[in-house]
N, C-alpha and C. Protein backbone atom coordinates (compact mmCIF):
# COMPACT_ATOMS: atom_id res chain seq x y z
N MET A 1 0.85 -1.17 0.00
CA MET A 1 0.00 0.00 0.00
C MET A 1 0.90 1.24 0.00
N SER A 2 0.61 2.13 -0.87
CA SER A 2 1.42 3.35 -0.95
C SER A 2 0.87 4.41 0.01
N PRO A 3 1.69 5.36 0.41
CA PRO A 3 1.18 6.45 1.25
C PRO A 3 0.00 7.17 0.60
N TYR A 4 0.04 7.28 -0.70
CA TYR A 4 -1.05 7.95 -1.42
C TYR A 4 -2.38 7.22 -1.23
N GLU A 5 -2.35 5.88 -1.23
CA GLU A 5 -3.58 5.10 -1.02
C GLU A 5 -4.14 5.30 0.38
N ILE A 6 -3.26 5.56 1.33
CA ILE A 6 -3.68 5.73 2.72
C ILE A 6 -4.21 7.14 2.98
N THR A 7 -3.62 8.12 2.34
CA THR A 7 -3.92 9.51 2.70
C THR A 7 -4.85 10.27 1.77
N TYR A 8 -5.07 9.78 0.55
CA TYR A 8 -5.87 10.55 -0.41
C TYR A 8 -7.08 9.78 -0.93
N PRO A 9 -8.21 10.46 -1.10
CA PRO A 9 -9.34 9.82 -1.77
C PRO A 9 -8.94 9.43 -3.19
N GLY A 10 -9.42 8.30 -3.65
CA GLY A 10 -9.09 7.87 -5.00
C GLY A 10 -7.66 7.41 -5.16
N GLY A 11 -6.96 7.14 -4.06
CA GLY A 11 -5.54 6.80 -4.12
C GLY A 11 -5.22 5.43 -4.67
N SER A 12 -6.21 4.56 -4.71
CA SER A 12 -5.96 3.21 -5.22
C SER A 12 -5.80 3.23 -6.73
N VAL A 13 -4.94 2.35 -7.24
CA VAL A 13 -4.74 2.30 -8.69
C VAL A 13 -5.80 1.44 -9.38
N GLU A 14 -6.50 0.56 -8.62
CA GLU A 14 -7.50 -0.31 -9.24
C GLU A 14 -8.93 0.20 -9.09
N HIS A 15 -9.17 1.03 -8.12
CA HIS A 15 -10.55 1.36 -7.79
C HIS A 15 -10.61 2.78 -7.24
N TRP A 16 -11.60 3.53 -7.70
CA TRP A 16 -11.81 4.87 -7.16
C TRP A 16 -12.62 4.75 -5.88
N ASN A 17 -12.10 5.29 -4.81
CA ASN A 17 -12.81 5.31 -3.54
C ASN A 17 -12.86 6.76 -3.09
N GLU A 18 -14.02 7.20 -2.68
CA GLU A 18 -14.18 8.60 -2.28
C GLU A 18 -13.48 8.92 -0.96
N GLU A 19 -13.12 7.90 -0.21
CA GLU A 19 -12.46 8.12 1.08
C GLU A 19 -11.05 7.53 1.03
N PRO A 20 -10.12 8.15 1.72
CA PRO A 20 -8.75 7.60 1.76
C PRO A 20 -8.72 6.29 2.56
N GLY A 21 -7.68 5.51 2.33
CA GLY A 21 -7.53 4.24 3.02
C GLY A 21 -7.48 4.38 4.53
N ALA A 22 -6.96 5.50 5.03
CA ALA A 22 -6.88 5.72 6.48
C ALA A 22 -8.26 5.67 7.13
N VAL A 23 -9.27 6.16 6.44
CA VAL A 23 -10.63 6.14 6.97
C VAL A 23 -11.08 4.69 7.14
N TRP A 24 -10.79 3.87 6.14
CA TRP A 24 -11.18 2.45 6.19
C TRP A 24 -10.39 1.71 7.25
N LEU A 25 -9.11 2.00 7.37
CA LEU A 25 -8.31 1.36 8.41
C LEU A 25 -8.82 1.74 9.80
N GLN A 26 -9.16 3.00 9.99
CA GLN A 26 -9.66 3.44 11.29
C GLN A 26 -10.99 2.77 11.61
N ARG A 27 -11.84 2.59 10.63
CA ARG A 27 -13.11 1.88 10.86
C ARG A 27 -12.83 0.46 11.34
N PHE A 28 -11.87 -0.18 10.71
CA PHE A 28 -11.51 -1.54 11.09
C PHE A 28 -11.02 -1.59 12.54
N VAL A 29 -10.17 -0.64 12.90
CA VAL A 29 -9.64 -0.56 14.27
C VAL A 29 -10.78 -0.31 15.26
N ASP A 30 -11.71 0.55 14.89
CA ASP A 30 -12.83 0.86 15.78
C ASP A 30 -13.74 -0.35 15.98
N ILE A 31 -13.95 -1.13 14.94
CA ILE A 31 -14.83 -2.30 15.03
C ILE A 31 -14.14 -3.45 15.75
N TYR A 32 -12.82 -3.60 15.50
CA TYR A 32 -12.06 -4.70 16.09
C TYR A 32 -10.93 -4.14 16.97
N PRO A 33 -11.26 -3.74 18.20
CA PRO A 33 -10.24 -3.15 19.05
C PRO A 33 -9.12 -4.11 19.43
N HIS A 34 -9.37 -5.40 19.34
CA HIS A 34 -8.35 -6.41 19.61
C HIS A 34 -7.95 -7.02 18.28
N MET A 35 -7.01 -6.40 17.64
CA MET A 35 -6.59 -6.83 16.31
C MET A 35 -5.07 -6.83 16.23
N ALA A 36 -4.57 -7.50 15.21
CA ALA A 36 -3.13 -7.49 14.95
C ALA A 36 -2.93 -7.24 13.46
N TRP A 37 -1.90 -6.47 13.15
CA TRP A 37 -1.55 -6.19 11.76
C TRP A 37 -0.29 -6.97 11.45
N LEU A 38 -0.37 -7.89 10.50
CA LEU A 38 0.79 -8.69 10.10
C LEU A 38 1.42 -8.03 8.89
N ASN A 39 2.65 -7.59 9.05
CA ASN A 39 3.35 -6.86 8.01
C ASN A 39 4.33 -7.80 7.30
N PRO A 40 4.21 -7.94 5.98
CA PRO A 40 5.11 -8.85 5.25
C PRO A 40 6.54 -8.31 5.10
N THR A 41 6.74 -7.03 5.37
CA THR A 41 8.07 -6.44 5.27
C THR A 41 8.86 -6.75 6.54
N HIS A 42 10.13 -7.03 6.40
CA HIS A 42 10.98 -7.31 7.56
C HIS A 42 11.01 -6.08 8.47
N PRO A 43 10.92 -6.27 9.79
CA PRO A 43 10.90 -5.13 10.72
C PRO A 43 12.06 -4.16 10.57
N SER A 44 13.19 -4.61 10.07
CA SER A 44 14.33 -3.69 9.90
C SER A 44 14.03 -2.60 8.88
N GLY A 45 13.05 -2.81 8.03
CA GLY A 45 12.70 -1.81 7.03
C GLY A 45 11.50 -0.96 7.40
N TRP A 46 10.86 -1.25 8.52
CA TRP A 46 9.64 -0.53 8.89
C TRP A 46 9.88 0.96 9.07
N GLU A 47 11.00 1.34 9.63
CA GLU A 47 11.23 2.76 9.90
C GLU A 47 11.51 3.56 8.62
N TYR A 48 11.76 2.87 7.52
CA TYR A 48 12.07 3.55 6.26
C TYR A 48 10.88 3.62 5.31
N SER A 49 9.75 3.11 5.74
CA SER A 49 8.56 3.06 4.89
C SER A 49 7.51 4.04 5.39
N GLY A 50 7.17 4.99 4.55
CA GLY A 50 6.13 5.95 4.90
C GLY A 50 4.79 5.27 5.13
N SER A 51 4.48 4.28 4.32
CA SER A 51 3.22 3.56 4.46
C SER A 51 3.15 2.83 5.80
N THR A 52 4.23 2.16 6.15
CA THR A 52 4.26 1.42 7.41
C THR A 52 4.09 2.38 8.58
N ASP A 53 4.73 3.53 8.52
CA ASP A 53 4.60 4.52 9.59
C ASP A 53 3.15 5.00 9.72
N LEU A 54 2.51 5.28 8.60
CA LEU A 54 1.12 5.71 8.63
C LEU A 54 0.22 4.64 9.21
N ILE A 55 0.41 3.39 8.79
CA ILE A 55 -0.42 2.29 9.30
C ILE A 55 -0.17 2.08 10.79
N ARG A 56 1.08 2.17 11.22
CA ARG A 56 1.38 2.01 12.65
C ARG A 56 0.68 3.09 13.47
N GLN A 57 0.60 4.31 12.94
CA GLN A 57 -0.09 5.39 13.65
C GLN A 57 -1.58 5.09 13.78
N ILE A 58 -2.15 4.50 12.74
CA ILE A 58 -3.59 4.23 12.74
C ILE A 58 -3.93 3.01 13.59
N VAL A 59 -3.23 1.91 13.39
CA VAL A 59 -3.58 0.68 14.11
C VAL A 59 -2.91 0.58 15.47
N GLY A 60 -1.88 1.35 15.68
CA GLY A 60 -1.13 1.29 16.93
C GLY A 60 0.11 0.43 16.75
N GLY A 61 1.26 0.99 17.09
CA GLY A 61 2.52 0.29 16.89
C GLY A 61 2.62 -1.03 17.62
N HIS A 62 1.94 -1.14 18.75
CA HIS A 62 1.99 -2.38 19.53
C HIS A 62 1.19 -3.51 18.87
N ARG A 63 0.46 -3.20 17.82
CA ARG A 63 -0.35 -4.22 17.12
C ARG A 63 0.26 -4.69 15.81
N MET A 64 1.43 -4.20 15.46
CA MET A 64 2.05 -4.59 14.20
C MET A 64 3.12 -5.65 14.47
N PHE A 65 3.04 -6.73 13.70
CA PHE A 65 3.95 -7.85 13.87
C PHE A 65 4.43 -8.29 12.49
N PRO A 66 5.65 -8.84 12.44
CA PRO A 66 6.14 -9.34 11.14
C PRO A 66 5.38 -10.60 10.72
N LEU A 67 5.21 -10.77 9.44
CA LEU A 67 4.53 -11.95 8.90
C LEU A 67 5.52 -13.11 8.83
N THR A 68 5.82 -13.62 10.00
CA THR A 68 6.71 -14.77 10.16
C THR A 68 6.04 -15.69 11.17
N VAL A 69 6.57 -16.89 11.32
CA VAL A 69 6.01 -17.80 12.32
C VAL A 69 6.10 -17.15 13.71
N LYS A 70 7.26 -16.59 14.03
CA LYS A 70 7.43 -15.94 15.33
C LYS A 70 6.49 -14.73 15.47
N GLY A 71 6.36 -13.95 14.40
CA GLY A 71 5.47 -12.79 14.44
C GLY A 71 4.03 -13.18 14.67
N VAL A 72 3.59 -14.26 14.03
CA VAL A 72 2.21 -14.74 14.23
C VAL A 72 2.05 -15.23 15.67
N GLU A 73 3.06 -15.90 16.20
CA GLU A 73 3.00 -16.35 17.59
C GLU A 73 2.89 -15.14 18.54
N GLU A 74 3.69 -14.10 18.29
CA GLU A 74 3.64 -12.90 19.13
C GLU A 74 2.28 -12.21 19.01
N ALA A 75 1.76 -12.14 17.79
CA ALA A 75 0.44 -11.51 17.59
C ALA A 75 -0.64 -12.29 18.33
N THR A 76 -0.56 -13.61 18.28
CA THR A 76 -1.54 -14.46 18.97
C THR A 76 -1.47 -14.24 20.48
N LYS A 77 -0.26 -14.14 21.01
CA LYS A 77 -0.10 -13.88 22.46
C LYS A 77 -0.70 -12.53 22.82
N GLU A 78 -0.44 -11.51 21.99
CA GLU A 78 -0.97 -10.17 22.25
C GLU A 78 -2.50 -10.18 22.20
N LEU A 79 -3.07 -10.91 21.26
CA LEU A 79 -4.52 -10.97 21.15
C LEU A 79 -5.15 -11.73 22.32
N GLY A 80 -4.40 -12.63 22.92
CA GLY A 80 -4.89 -13.41 24.04
C GLY A 80 -4.89 -12.67 25.37
N ARG A 81 -4.30 -11.49 25.40
CA ARG A 81 -4.24 -10.72 26.65
C ARG A 81 -5.54 -10.05 26.97
């Protein structure tokens, strides 16, 4: 997901949406307060990605985990709290 898809209406390349992706992500967070975001990018690159930073701000940094076996285990533990 590009920063443009998160911050601007119509930001998607496949579909015109009148609302930016951030609105949809926030709705998801509001509906599912106990959620985890599995990020396929290695955590060492998270600080260099504008998109990852925006998503972390919306979903909460404590809810983002790497898409690895260990990351899924950590996310499951966090969801079980």
